[in-house]
């Protein structure tokens, strides 16, 4: 095969894969992950059934690919924000704010996860997601070496950050309008000052979506 032929084939494979992912993402949002079938996804594209299985074994693999593509895009940004931190408060705020901005920008994918509780474990076990958690741990260790953080139990600390980020972020994207800064400020103040540092609100306001 000529060089140009190889290049065209690579472009076709890339386009086919992208078409499958785009169709699946739309259908997961419209029908829900559980209700969407491989046949539905194929029907939303112009590809043949045999072509589909050249790229994915099923919808679980597709969902992991969607998560990994998002992780690949956001991991460098998250690392850059943490590395630029100049204090403990700055480290915490940059971590939460950048994560919440990413959640807001990819709200459709997170909404799919919320609607399908079976995906809660699936969303965290891909190499890209695990690598992102490992990078957070590395950055916490580096922050301790730089004197930005005290010498703390790193495993508990990283787990706490991830837990707060996921839960507060989940609550954030359910509110209308979404307020990234308010969510980041709440999570940061909770981490850096505890409950006494949190701002008070009028009764009933905190639960309004």
N, C-alpha and C. Protein backbone atom coordinates (compact mmCIF):
# COMPACT_ATOMS: atom_id res chain seq x y z
N UNK A 1 0.85 -1.20 0.00
CA UNK A 1 0.00 0.00 0.00
C UNK A 1 0.88 1.25 0.00
N UNK A 2 0.49 2.26 -0.79
CA UNK A 2 1.27 3.48 -0.86
C UNK A 2 1.16 4.26 0.44
N UNK A 3 2.08 5.22 0.60
CA UNK A 3 2.06 6.05 1.79
C UNK A 3 0.75 6.82 1.88
N UNK A 4 0.29 7.35 0.73
CA UNK A 4 -0.98 8.09 0.72
C UNK A 4 -2.14 7.18 1.07
N UNK A 5 -2.06 5.92 0.60
CA UNK A 5 -3.11 4.95 0.91
C UNK A 5 -3.18 4.65 2.39
N UNK A 6 -2.01 4.52 3.01
CA UNK A 6 -1.96 4.26 4.45
C UNK A 6 -2.53 5.44 5.23
N UNK A 7 -2.20 6.64 4.77
CA UNK A 7 -2.70 7.84 5.44
C UNK A 7 -4.21 7.96 5.34
N UNK A 8 -4.75 7.62 4.18
CA UNK A 8 -6.21 7.69 3.99
C UNK A 8 -6.90 6.65 4.86
N UNK A 9 -6.30 5.46 4.95
CA UNK A 9 -6.90 4.41 5.78
C UNK A 9 -6.91 4.82 7.25
N UNK A 10 -5.82 5.44 7.70
CA UNK A 10 -5.75 5.90 9.09
C UNK A 10 -6.81 6.97 9.36
N UNK A 11 -7.01 7.85 8.40
CA UNK A 11 -8.02 8.90 8.56
C UNK A 11 -9.43 8.31 8.63
N UNK A 12 -9.67 7.28 7.80
CA UNK A 12 -10.97 6.62 7.80
C UNK A 12 -11.24 5.94 9.13
N UNK A 13 -10.22 5.25 9.67
CA UNK A 13 -10.37 4.58 10.96
C UNK A 13 -10.65 5.59 12.07
N UNK A 14 -9.95 6.71 12.03
CA UNK A 14 -10.15 7.76 13.03
C UNK A 14 -11.57 8.33 12.93
N UNK A 15 -12.03 8.55 11.70
CA UNK A 15 -13.37 9.10 11.49
C UNK A 15 -14.45 8.11 11.93
N UNK A 16 -14.25 6.83 11.63
CA UNK A 16 -15.22 5.81 12.03
C UNK A 16 -15.34 5.72 13.55
N UNK A 17 -14.19 5.74 14.21
CA UNK A 17 -14.19 5.65 15.68
C UNK A 17 -14.88 6.87 16.28
N UNK A 18 -14.58 8.03 15.74
CA UNK A 18 -15.20 9.26 16.24
C UNK A 18 -16.71 9.24 16.04
N UNK A 19 -17.16 8.69 14.90
CA UNK A 19 -18.60 8.63 14.62
C UNK A 19 -19.31 7.72 15.62
N UNK A 20 -18.67 6.60 15.97
CA UNK A 20 -19.25 5.68 16.95
C UNK A 20 -19.36 6.35 18.31
N UNK A 21 -18.30 7.02 18.72
CA UNK A 21 -18.30 7.68 20.03
C UNK A 21 -19.33 8.80 20.09
N UNK A 22 -19.43 9.57 19.01
CA UNK A 22 -20.40 10.66 18.98
C UNK A 22 -21.83 10.12 19.07
N UNK A 23 -22.11 9.05 18.33
CA UNK A 23 -23.44 8.46 18.36
C UNK A 23 -23.75 7.90 19.74
N UNK A 24 -22.79 7.21 20.33
CA UNK A 24 -23.01 6.61 21.66
C UNK A 24 -23.23 7.69 22.71
N UNK A 25 -22.45 8.73 22.66
CA UNK A 25 -22.60 9.81 23.65
C UNK A 25 -23.99 10.41 23.57
N UNK A 26 -24.47 10.64 22.36
CA UNK A 26 -25.80 11.22 22.18
C UNK A 26 -26.89 10.27 22.69
N UNK A 27 -26.75 8.99 22.38
CA UNK A 27 -27.77 8.02 22.77
C UNK A 27 -27.76 7.76 24.27
N UNK A 28 -26.58 7.74 24.88
CA UNK A 28 -26.51 7.56 26.33
C UNK A 28 -27.26 8.69 27.03
N UNK A 29 -27.15 9.89 26.45
CA UNK A 29 -27.85 11.03 27.03
C UNK A 29 -29.35 10.99 26.79
N UNK A 30 -29.76 10.52 25.61
CA UNK A 30 -31.17 10.50 25.25
C UNK A 30 -31.92 9.34 25.90
N UNK A 31 -31.35 8.14 25.81
CA UNK A 31 -32.04 6.92 26.25
C UNK A 31 -31.58 6.42 27.61
N UNK A 32 -30.37 6.82 28.00
CA UNK A 32 -29.76 6.24 29.19
C UNK A 32 -28.81 5.13 28.78
N UNK A 33 -27.80 4.91 29.58
CA UNK A 33 -26.80 3.89 29.25
C UNK A 33 -27.43 2.50 29.19
N UNK A 34 -28.24 2.16 30.18
CA UNK A 34 -28.81 0.81 30.26
C UNK A 34 -29.73 0.51 29.08
N UNK A 35 -30.47 1.52 28.62
CA UNK A 35 -31.45 1.31 27.56
C UNK A 35 -30.83 1.33 26.16
N UNK A 36 -29.65 1.88 26.04
CA UNK A 36 -29.01 1.96 24.73
C UNK A 36 -28.38 0.62 24.35
N UNK A 37 -28.60 0.18 23.14
CA UNK A 37 -28.02 -1.07 22.65
C UNK A 37 -26.97 -0.77 21.59
N UNK A 38 -26.15 -1.76 21.33
CA UNK A 38 -25.16 -1.61 20.27
C UNK A 38 -25.85 -1.36 18.94
N UNK A 39 -26.98 -2.03 18.73
CA UNK A 39 -27.74 -1.82 17.49
C UNK A 39 -28.18 -0.37 17.37
N UNK A 40 -28.60 0.23 18.48
CA UNK A 40 -28.98 1.65 18.45
C UNK A 40 -27.81 2.51 17.99
N UNK A 41 -26.64 2.22 18.56
CA UNK A 41 -25.46 3.02 18.24
C UNK A 41 -25.08 2.87 16.77
N UNK A 42 -25.09 1.64 16.29
CA UNK A 42 -24.77 1.40 14.88
C UNK A 42 -25.77 2.12 13.98
N UNK A 43 -27.05 2.06 14.37
CA UNK A 43 -28.08 2.70 13.57
C UNK A 43 -27.95 4.21 13.50
N UNK A 44 -27.29 4.81 14.48
CA UNK A 44 -27.10 6.26 14.49
C UNK A 44 -25.92 6.66 13.60
N UNK A 45 -25.13 5.69 13.15
CA UNK A 45 -24.01 5.96 12.25
C UNK A 45 -24.32 5.40 10.86
N UNK A 46 -23.39 5.59 9.95
CA UNK A 46 -23.55 5.02 8.60
C UNK A 46 -22.69 3.77 8.44
N UNK A 47 -22.27 3.18 9.55
CA UNK A 47 -21.37 2.05 9.51
C UNK A 47 -22.11 0.72 9.55
N UNK A 48 -21.48 -0.32 9.05
CA UNK A 48 -22.04 -1.66 9.10
C UNK A 48 -21.72 -2.29 10.44
N UNK A 49 -22.49 -3.30 10.82
CA UNK A 49 -22.29 -3.96 12.11
C UNK A 49 -20.88 -4.50 12.25
N UNK A 50 -20.37 -5.11 11.19
CA UNK A 50 -19.03 -5.68 11.24
C UNK A 50 -17.97 -4.62 11.47
N UNK A 51 -18.20 -3.45 10.92
CA UNK A 51 -17.25 -2.35 11.09
C UNK A 51 -17.20 -1.91 12.54
N UNK A 52 -18.35 -1.86 13.18
CA UNK A 52 -18.41 -1.45 14.59
C UNK A 52 -17.48 -2.30 15.44
N UNK A 53 -17.55 -3.61 15.27
CA UNK A 53 -16.79 -4.51 16.13
C UNK A 53 -15.29 -4.52 15.81
N UNK A 54 -14.90 -3.81 14.78
CA UNK A 54 -13.47 -3.59 14.55
C UNK A 54 -12.89 -2.58 15.53
N UNK A 55 -13.78 -1.82 16.17
CA UNK A 55 -13.34 -0.75 17.06
C UNK A 55 -13.68 -1.01 18.52
N UNK A 56 -14.85 -1.56 18.79
CA UNK A 56 -15.29 -1.76 20.16
C UNK A 56 -15.97 -3.12 20.32
N UNK A 57 -15.82 -3.70 21.49
CA UNK A 57 -16.45 -5.00 21.76
C UNK A 57 -17.88 -4.83 22.25
N UNK A 58 -18.22 -3.65 22.75
CA UNK A 58 -19.56 -3.40 23.26
C UNK A 58 -19.66 -2.00 23.83
N UNK A 59 -20.81 -1.68 24.43
CA UNK A 59 -21.03 -0.31 24.88
C UNK A 59 -20.22 0.03 26.13
N UNK A 60 -19.87 -0.96 26.96
CA UNK A 60 -19.03 -0.67 28.12
C UNK A 60 -17.67 -0.13 27.69
N UNK A 61 -17.12 -0.74 26.65
CA UNK A 61 -15.82 -0.28 26.14
C UNK A 61 -15.95 1.12 25.54
N UNK A 62 -17.08 1.41 24.92
CA UNK A 62 -17.32 2.74 24.37
C UNK A 62 -17.35 3.77 25.50
N UNK A 63 -18.07 3.45 26.57
CA UNK A 63 -18.17 4.40 27.67
C UNK A 63 -16.80 4.68 28.28
N UNK A 64 -16.00 3.64 28.43
CA UNK A 64 -14.65 3.84 28.96
C UNK A 64 -13.84 4.73 28.03
N UNK A 65 -14.02 4.56 26.72
CA UNK A 65 -13.30 5.39 25.76
C UNK A 65 -13.72 6.85 25.88
N UNK A 66 -15.00 7.10 26.10
CA UNK A 66 -15.48 8.47 26.29
C UNK A 66 -14.86 9.09 27.53
N UNK A 67 -14.80 8.32 28.61
CA UNK A 67 -14.19 8.81 29.85
C UNK A 67 -12.71 9.08 29.65
N UNK A 68 -12.03 8.18 28.95
CA UNK A 68 -10.59 8.33 28.77
C UNK A 68 -10.26 9.54 27.90
N UNK A 69 -11.06 9.77 26.87
CA UNK A 69 -10.81 10.93 26.01
C UNK A 69 -10.96 12.22 26.81
N UNK A 70 -11.96 12.28 27.67
CA UNK A 70 -12.13 13.46 28.52
C UNK A 70 -10.95 13.60 29.47
N UNK A 71 -10.53 12.49 30.08
CA UNK A 71 -9.40 12.52 31.02
C UNK A 71 -8.12 12.97 30.33
N UNK A 72 -7.90 12.51 29.11
CA UNK A 72 -6.70 12.90 28.38
C UNK A 72 -6.66 14.40 28.14
N UNK A 73 -7.81 14.99 27.94
CA UNK A 73 -7.89 16.42 27.68
C UNK A 73 -7.69 17.25 28.94
N UNK A 74 -8.17 16.75 30.08
CA UNK A 74 -8.19 17.58 31.28
C UNK A 74 -7.01 17.35 32.23
N UNK A 75 -6.38 16.18 32.17
CA UNK A 75 -5.30 15.90 33.12
C UNK A 75 -4.18 16.93 33.05
N UNK A 76 -3.70 17.32 31.87
CA UNK A 76 -2.63 18.34 31.83
C UNK A 76 -3.04 19.64 32.49
N UNK A 77 -4.28 20.04 32.30
CA UNK A 77 -4.75 21.30 32.90
C UNK A 77 -4.78 21.20 34.42
N UNK A 78 -5.29 20.07 34.94
CA UNK A 78 -5.35 19.89 36.39
C UNK A 78 -3.95 19.93 36.99
N UNK A 79 -3.00 19.27 36.35
CA UNK A 79 -1.63 19.25 36.86
C UNK A 79 -1.02 20.65 36.83
N UNK A 80 -1.25 21.36 35.74
CA UNK A 80 -0.68 22.70 35.61
C UNK A 80 -1.20 23.62 36.70
N UNK A 81 -2.49 23.54 36.99
CA UNK A 81 -3.08 24.39 38.02
C UNK A 81 -2.48 24.08 39.39
N UNK A 82 -2.30 22.81 39.71
CA UNK A 82 -1.75 22.45 41.01
C UNK A 82 -0.28 22.83 41.13
N UNK A 83 0.47 22.66 40.06
CA UNK A 83 1.90 22.99 40.08
C UNK A 83 2.11 24.49 40.28
N UNK A 84 1.18 25.30 39.78
CA UNK A 84 1.30 26.76 39.88
C UNK A 84 0.91 27.30 41.25
N UNK A 85 0.38 26.45 42.10
CA UNK A 85 -0.08 26.91 43.42
C UNK A 85 1.07 27.46 44.25
N UNK A 86 0.79 28.51 45.01
CA UNK A 86 1.83 29.16 45.81
C UNK A 86 1.57 29.05 47.31
N UNK A 87 0.47 28.44 47.69
CA UNK A 87 0.16 28.27 49.12
C UNK A 87 -0.81 27.10 49.28
N UNK A 88 -1.05 26.72 50.52
CA UNK A 88 -1.98 25.64 50.81
C UNK A 88 -3.38 25.98 50.29
N UNK A 89 -3.85 27.19 50.61
CA UNK A 89 -5.18 27.61 50.18
C UNK A 89 -5.26 27.64 48.66
N UNK A 90 -4.21 28.15 48.02
CA UNK A 90 -4.17 28.24 46.57
C UNK A 90 -4.19 26.85 45.94
N UNK A 91 -3.47 25.92 46.51
CA UNK A 91 -3.43 24.54 46.00
C UNK A 91 -4.82 23.93 46.04
N UNK A 92 -5.50 24.07 47.16
CA UNK A 92 -6.83 23.48 47.32
C UNK A 92 -7.82 24.14 46.37
N UNK A 93 -7.78 25.48 46.31
CA UNK A 93 -8.76 26.18 45.47
C UNK A 93 -8.55 25.86 43.99
N UNK A 94 -7.31 25.86 43.54
CA UNK A 94 -7.03 25.55 42.14
C UNK A 94 -7.48 24.12 41.80
N UNK A 95 -7.27 23.21 42.71
CA UNK A 95 -7.66 21.82 42.48
C UNK A 95 -9.17 21.70 42.28
N UNK A 96 -9.93 22.30 43.19
CA UNK A 96 -11.38 22.19 43.09
C UNK A 96 -11.95 23.00 41.93
N UNK A 97 -11.48 24.23 41.77
CA UNK A 97 -12.07 25.07 40.73
C UNK A 97 -11.84 24.48 39.34
N UNK A 98 -10.62 24.03 39.06
CA UNK A 98 -10.34 23.48 37.73
C UNK A 98 -11.17 22.22 37.49
N UNK A 99 -11.33 21.39 38.52
CA UNK A 99 -12.12 20.17 38.36
C UNK A 99 -13.59 20.50 38.10
N UNK A 100 -14.12 21.48 38.84
CA UNK A 100 -15.53 21.84 38.66
C UNK A 100 -15.76 22.50 37.30
N UNK A 101 -14.80 23.27 36.81
CA UNK A 101 -14.92 23.85 35.47
C UNK A 101 -15.00 22.76 34.42
N UNK A 102 -14.19 21.71 34.62
CA UNK A 102 -14.20 20.59 33.67
C UNK A 102 -15.53 19.84 33.74
N UNK A 103 -16.04 19.64 34.95
CA UNK A 103 -17.34 18.98 35.09
C UNK A 103 -18.43 19.78 34.38
N UNK A 104 -18.39 21.08 34.53
CA UNK A 104 -19.40 21.93 33.90
C UNK A 104 -19.30 21.84 32.38
N UNK A 105 -18.07 21.83 31.86
CA UNK A 105 -17.87 21.77 30.42
C UNK A 105 -18.28 20.41 29.83
N UNK A 106 -18.23 19.36 30.67
CA UNK A 106 -18.60 18.01 30.23
C UNK A 106 -19.84 17.52 30.98
N UNK A 107 -20.74 18.42 31.21
CA UNK A 107 -21.91 18.13 32.03
C UNK A 107 -22.77 17.00 31.46
N UNK A 108 -22.81 16.87 30.12
CA UNK A 108 -23.63 15.81 29.54
C UNK A 108 -23.13 14.43 29.93
N UNK A 109 -21.80 14.27 29.96
CA UNK A 109 -21.22 12.98 30.33
C UNK A 109 -21.47 12.66 31.80
N UNK A 110 -21.32 13.66 32.66
CA UNK A 110 -21.57 13.45 34.08
C UNK A 110 -23.04 13.20 34.36
N UNK A 111 -23.92 13.80 33.55
CA UNK A 111 -25.34 13.55 33.71
C UNK A 111 -25.68 12.11 33.36
N UNK A 112 -24.99 11.56 32.36
CA UNK A 112 -25.18 10.16 32.00
C UNK A 112 -24.80 9.27 33.16
N UNK A 113 -23.68 9.59 33.81
CA UNK A 113 -23.21 8.80 34.94
C UNK A 113 -24.22 8.85 36.08
N UNK A 114 -24.76 10.05 36.37
CA UNK A 114 -25.72 10.21 37.45
C UNK A 114 -26.98 9.39 37.21
N UNK A 115 -27.42 9.32 35.97
CA UNK A 115 -28.66 8.62 35.64
C UNK A 115 -28.50 7.10 35.64
N UNK A 116 -27.26 6.64 35.68
CA UNK A 116 -27.00 5.21 35.60
C UNK A 116 -26.04 4.81 36.70
N UNK A 117 -26.58 4.43 37.84
CA UNK A 117 -25.75 4.17 39.01
C UNK A 117 -24.73 3.06 38.78
N UNK A 118 -25.00 2.16 37.84
CA UNK A 118 -24.05 1.10 37.56
C UNK A 118 -22.75 1.59 36.97
N UNK A 119 -22.75 2.84 36.50
CA UNK A 119 -21.54 3.39 35.90
C UNK A 119 -20.61 4.02 36.93
N UNK A 120 -21.05 4.13 38.18
CA UNK A 120 -20.25 4.82 39.18
C UNK A 120 -18.91 4.15 39.39
N UNK A 121 -18.88 2.82 39.33
CA UNK A 121 -17.60 2.12 39.44
C UNK A 121 -16.86 2.13 38.12
N UNK A 122 -17.61 1.95 37.04
CA UNK A 122 -17.00 1.91 35.72
C UNK A 122 -16.24 3.19 35.41
N UNK A 123 -16.72 4.31 35.91
CA UNK A 123 -16.09 5.59 35.58
C UNK A 123 -14.70 5.74 36.18
N UNK A 124 -14.32 4.90 37.15
CA UNK A 124 -13.07 5.12 37.86
C UNK A 124 -12.00 4.05 37.61
N UNK A 125 -12.30 3.05 36.78
CA UNK A 125 -11.35 1.94 36.69
C UNK A 125 -10.58 1.86 35.37
N UNK A 126 -10.59 2.94 34.58
CA UNK A 126 -9.81 2.92 33.35
C UNK A 126 -8.40 3.43 33.63
N UNK A 127 -7.43 3.06 32.80
CA UNK A 127 -6.04 3.51 33.01
C UNK A 127 -5.90 5.02 33.09
N UNK A 128 -6.64 5.74 32.26
CA UNK A 128 -6.54 7.20 32.26
C UNK A 128 -7.03 7.80 33.57
N UNK A 129 -8.14 7.28 34.09
CA UNK A 129 -8.69 7.81 35.34
C UNK A 129 -7.76 7.48 36.50
N UNK A 130 -7.26 6.24 36.52
CA UNK A 130 -6.34 5.83 37.57
C UNK A 130 -5.07 6.68 37.52
N UNK A 131 -4.59 6.94 36.31
CA UNK A 131 -3.40 7.78 36.16
C UNK A 131 -3.65 9.18 36.69
N UNK A 132 -4.87 9.69 36.49
CA UNK A 132 -5.20 11.01 37.01
C UNK A 132 -5.16 11.03 38.53
N UNK A 133 -5.65 9.97 39.18
CA UNK A 133 -5.59 9.88 40.63
C UNK A 133 -4.14 9.80 41.10
N UNK A 134 -3.32 9.04 40.38
CA UNK A 134 -1.90 8.92 40.72
C UNK A 134 -1.19 10.26 40.60
N UNK A 135 -1.55 11.03 39.59
CA UNK A 135 -0.95 12.35 39.41
C UNK A 135 -1.32 13.28 40.56
N UNK A 136 -2.56 13.21 41.01
CA UNK A 136 -2.97 14.01 42.16
C UNK A 136 -2.12 13.64 43.37
N UNK A 137 -1.91 12.35 43.58
CA UNK A 137 -1.09 11.91 44.71
C UNK A 137 0.33 12.45 44.58
N UNK A 138 0.89 12.38 43.38
CA UNK A 138 2.24 12.90 43.15
C UNK A 138 2.32 14.40 43.44
N UNK A 139 1.27 15.11 43.03
CA UNK A 139 1.26 16.56 43.23
C UNK A 139 1.11 16.92 44.70
N UNK A 140 0.37 16.11 45.45
CA UNK A 140 0.26 16.34 46.90
C UNK A 140 1.62 16.10 47.55
N UNK A 141 2.31 15.05 47.15
CA UNK A 141 3.64 14.78 47.69
C UNK A 141 4.59 15.93 47.37
N UNK A 142 4.49 16.45 46.15
CA UNK A 142 5.35 17.57 45.76
C UNK A 142 5.00 18.82 46.56
N UNK A 143 3.72 19.05 46.81
CA UNK A 143 3.30 20.21 47.60
C UNK A 143 3.82 20.10 49.04
N UNK A 144 3.87 18.90 49.57
CA UNK A 144 4.42 18.70 50.91
C UNK A 144 5.91 19.02 50.91
N UNK A 145 6.62 18.56 49.88
CA UNK A 145 8.06 18.84 49.77
C UNK A 145 8.33 20.34 49.65
N UNK A 146 7.44 21.04 48.96
CA UNK A 146 7.61 22.49 48.76
C UNK A 146 7.15 23.30 49.96
N UNK A 147 6.57 22.63 50.95
CA UNK A 147 6.12 23.33 52.14
C UNK A 147 4.75 23.95 52.02
N UNK A 148 4.00 23.63 50.94
CA UNK A 148 2.66 24.17 50.78
C UNK A 148 1.65 23.43 51.65
N UNK A 149 1.92 22.16 51.88
CA UNK A 149 1.05 21.33 52.71
C UNK A 149 1.85 20.75 53.86
N UNK A 150 1.21 20.53 55.01
CA UNK A 150 1.90 19.88 56.13
C UNK A 150 2.12 18.40 55.82
N UNK A 151 2.92 17.74 56.60
CA UNK A 151 3.15 16.31 56.41
C UNK A 151 1.93 15.55 56.92
N UNK A 152 1.07 15.14 55.99
CA UNK A 152 -0.21 14.52 56.34
C UNK A 152 -0.30 13.12 55.76
N UNK A 153 -1.35 12.39 56.13
CA UNK A 153 -1.60 11.08 55.55
C UNK A 153 -2.06 11.29 54.11
N UNK A 154 -1.18 11.02 53.18
CA UNK A 154 -1.45 11.34 51.77
C UNK A 154 -2.62 10.54 51.22
N UNK A 155 -2.69 9.26 51.55
CA UNK A 155 -3.77 8.42 51.02
C UNK A 155 -5.14 8.94 51.45
N UNK A 156 -5.28 9.26 52.74
CA UNK A 156 -6.56 9.80 53.23
C UNK A 156 -6.86 11.15 52.59
N UNK A 157 -5.83 11.99 52.50
CA UNK A 157 -6.01 13.33 51.97
C UNK A 157 -6.47 13.29 50.51
N UNK A 158 -5.81 12.47 49.69
CA UNK A 158 -6.18 12.36 48.28
C UNK A 158 -7.59 11.79 48.15
N UNK A 159 -7.91 10.78 48.95
CA UNK A 159 -9.24 10.19 48.91
C UNK A 159 -10.30 11.23 49.28
N UNK A 160 -9.99 12.06 50.27
CA UNK A 160 -10.93 13.09 50.70
C UNK A 160 -11.16 14.13 49.61
N UNK A 161 -10.09 14.55 48.94
CA UNK A 161 -10.22 15.52 47.85
C UNK A 161 -11.10 14.95 46.74
N UNK A 162 -10.82 13.71 46.35
CA UNK A 162 -11.58 13.08 45.27
C UNK A 162 -13.05 12.95 45.67
N UNK A 163 -13.30 12.51 46.90
CA UNK A 163 -14.68 12.35 47.35
C UNK A 163 -15.45 13.65 47.37
N UNK A 164 -14.84 14.70 47.92
CA UNK A 164 -15.50 16.00 47.98
C UNK A 164 -15.71 16.56 46.57
N UNK A 165 -14.70 16.42 45.72
CA UNK A 165 -14.81 16.94 44.35
C UNK A 165 -15.96 16.27 43.60
N UNK A 166 -16.07 14.96 43.70
CA UNK A 166 -17.12 14.25 42.98
C UNK A 166 -18.51 14.57 43.53
N UNK A 167 -18.65 14.61 44.85
CA UNK A 167 -19.97 14.82 45.44
C UNK A 167 -20.43 16.27 45.32
N UNK A 168 -19.54 17.22 45.62
CA UNK A 168 -19.92 18.63 45.48
C UNK A 168 -20.14 18.96 44.01
N UNK A 169 -19.28 18.41 43.15
CA UNK A 169 -19.45 18.64 41.72
C UNK A 169 -20.77 18.10 41.21
N UNK A 170 -21.15 16.93 41.71
CA UNK A 170 -22.43 16.33 41.32
C UNK A 170 -23.59 17.24 41.72
N UNK A 171 -23.53 17.78 42.94
CA UNK A 171 -24.57 18.70 43.39
C UNK A 171 -24.55 19.99 42.57
N UNK A 172 -23.37 20.43 42.20
CA UNK A 172 -23.22 21.67 41.44
C UNK A 172 -23.92 21.60 40.09
N UNK A 173 -23.70 20.50 39.35
CA UNK A 173 -24.25 20.45 37.99
C UNK A 173 -25.76 20.21 37.97
N UNK A 174 -26.34 19.95 39.13
CA UNK A 174 -27.79 19.82 39.21
C UNK A 174 -28.47 21.16 39.43
N UNK A 175 -27.69 22.18 39.80
CA UNK A 175 -28.27 23.48 40.08
C UNK A 175 -28.39 24.32 38.81
N UNK A 176 -29.39 25.18 38.80
CA UNK A 176 -29.59 26.09 37.67
C UNK A 176 -29.65 27.51 38.20
N UNK A 177 -28.73 28.39 37.80
CA UNK A 177 -27.60 28.09 36.92
C UNK A 177 -26.45 27.42 37.68
N UNK A 178 -25.56 26.80 36.95
CA UNK A 178 -24.36 26.21 37.56
C UNK A 178 -23.42 27.33 37.98
N UNK A 179 -22.94 27.27 39.22
CA UNK A 179 -22.04 28.30 39.74
C UNK A 179 -20.75 27.63 40.17
N UNK A 180 -19.78 27.59 39.26
CA UNK A 180 -18.51 26.92 39.50
C UNK A 180 -17.76 27.56 40.65
N UNK A 181 -17.73 28.88 40.67
CA UNK A 181 -16.97 29.58 41.70
C UNK A 181 -17.55 29.32 43.09
N UNK A 182 -18.87 29.29 43.20
CA UNK A 182 -19.49 29.03 44.50
C UNK A 182 -19.15 27.62 44.99
N UNK A 183 -19.17 26.66 44.08
CA UNK A 183 -18.83 25.28 44.46
C UNK A 183 -17.37 25.17 44.87
N UNK A 184 -16.49 25.82 44.11
CA UNK A 184 -15.06 25.79 44.43
C UNK A 184 -14.78 26.47 45.76
N UNK A 185 -15.46 27.58 46.00
CA UNK A 185 -15.26 28.31 47.25
C UNK A 185 -15.75 27.48 48.44
N UNK A 186 -16.90 26.82 48.29
CA UNK A 186 -17.42 25.98 49.37
C UNK A 186 -16.46 24.84 49.69
N UNK A 187 -16.05 24.09 48.67
CA UNK A 187 -15.16 22.95 48.89
C UNK A 187 -13.82 23.40 49.47
N UNK A 188 -13.31 24.50 48.97
CA UNK A 188 -12.01 25.00 49.44
C UNK A 188 -12.08 25.44 50.89
N UNK A 189 -13.13 26.17 51.24
CA UNK A 189 -13.28 26.64 52.62
C UNK A 189 -13.51 25.49 53.58
N UNK A 190 -14.25 24.47 53.13
CA UNK A 190 -14.46 23.29 53.96
C UNK A 190 -13.14 22.60 54.24
N UNK A 191 -12.28 22.52 53.24
CA UNK A 191 -11.00 21.85 53.39
C UNK A 191 -10.01 22.67 54.21
N UNK A 192 -10.00 23.95 54.00
CA UNK A 192 -8.97 24.78 54.64
C UNK A 192 -9.37 25.32 56.01
N UNK A 193 -10.68 25.41 56.28
CA UNK A 193 -11.08 25.98 57.56
C UNK A 193 -12.12 25.19 58.32
N UNK A 194 -12.61 24.10 57.71
CA UNK A 194 -13.64 23.31 58.37
C UNK A 194 -14.99 23.99 58.32
N UNK A 195 -15.96 23.42 58.96
CA UNK A 195 -17.33 23.95 58.95
C UNK A 195 -17.41 25.38 59.47
N UNK A 196 -16.64 25.77 60.51
CA UNK A 196 -16.74 27.17 60.98
C UNK A 196 -16.38 28.20 59.91
N UNK A 197 -15.63 27.78 58.89
CA UNK A 197 -15.22 28.73 57.85
C UNK A 197 -16.26 28.89 56.75
N UNK A 198 -17.27 28.03 56.72
CA UNK A 198 -18.25 28.09 55.65
C UNK A 198 -19.19 29.28 55.83
N UNK A 199 -19.57 29.93 54.72
CA UNK A 199 -20.52 31.04 54.81
C UNK A 199 -21.91 30.51 55.13
N UNK A 200 -22.68 31.27 55.86
CA UNK A 200 -24.05 30.86 56.17
C UNK A 200 -25.00 31.34 55.08
N UNK A 201 -26.10 30.65 54.95
CA UNK A 201 -27.12 31.03 53.96
C UNK A 201 -28.47 31.02 54.65
N UNK A 202 -29.44 31.65 54.02
CA UNK A 202 -30.79 31.67 54.58
C UNK A 202 -31.40 30.27 54.48
N UNK A 203 -32.20 29.89 55.46
CA UNK A 203 -32.83 28.55 55.44
C UNK A 203 -33.56 28.30 54.14
N UNK A 204 -33.32 27.13 53.54
CA UNK A 204 -34.00 26.74 52.32
C UNK A 204 -33.25 27.08 51.06
N UNK A 205 -32.36 28.08 51.10
CA UNK A 205 -31.65 28.50 49.90
C UNK A 205 -30.65 27.44 49.47
N UNK A 206 -30.00 26.79 50.42
CA UNK A 206 -28.93 25.84 50.08
C UNK A 206 -29.42 24.67 49.27
N UNK A 207 -30.68 24.33 49.38
CA UNK A 207 -31.18 23.15 48.68
C UNK A 207 -31.87 23.47 47.36
N UNK A 208 -31.93 24.72 46.99
CA UNK A 208 -32.60 25.09 45.76
C UNK A 208 -31.77 24.72 44.56
N UNK A 209 -32.37 24.07 43.57
CA UNK A 209 -31.66 23.69 42.35
C UNK A 209 -32.06 24.62 41.23
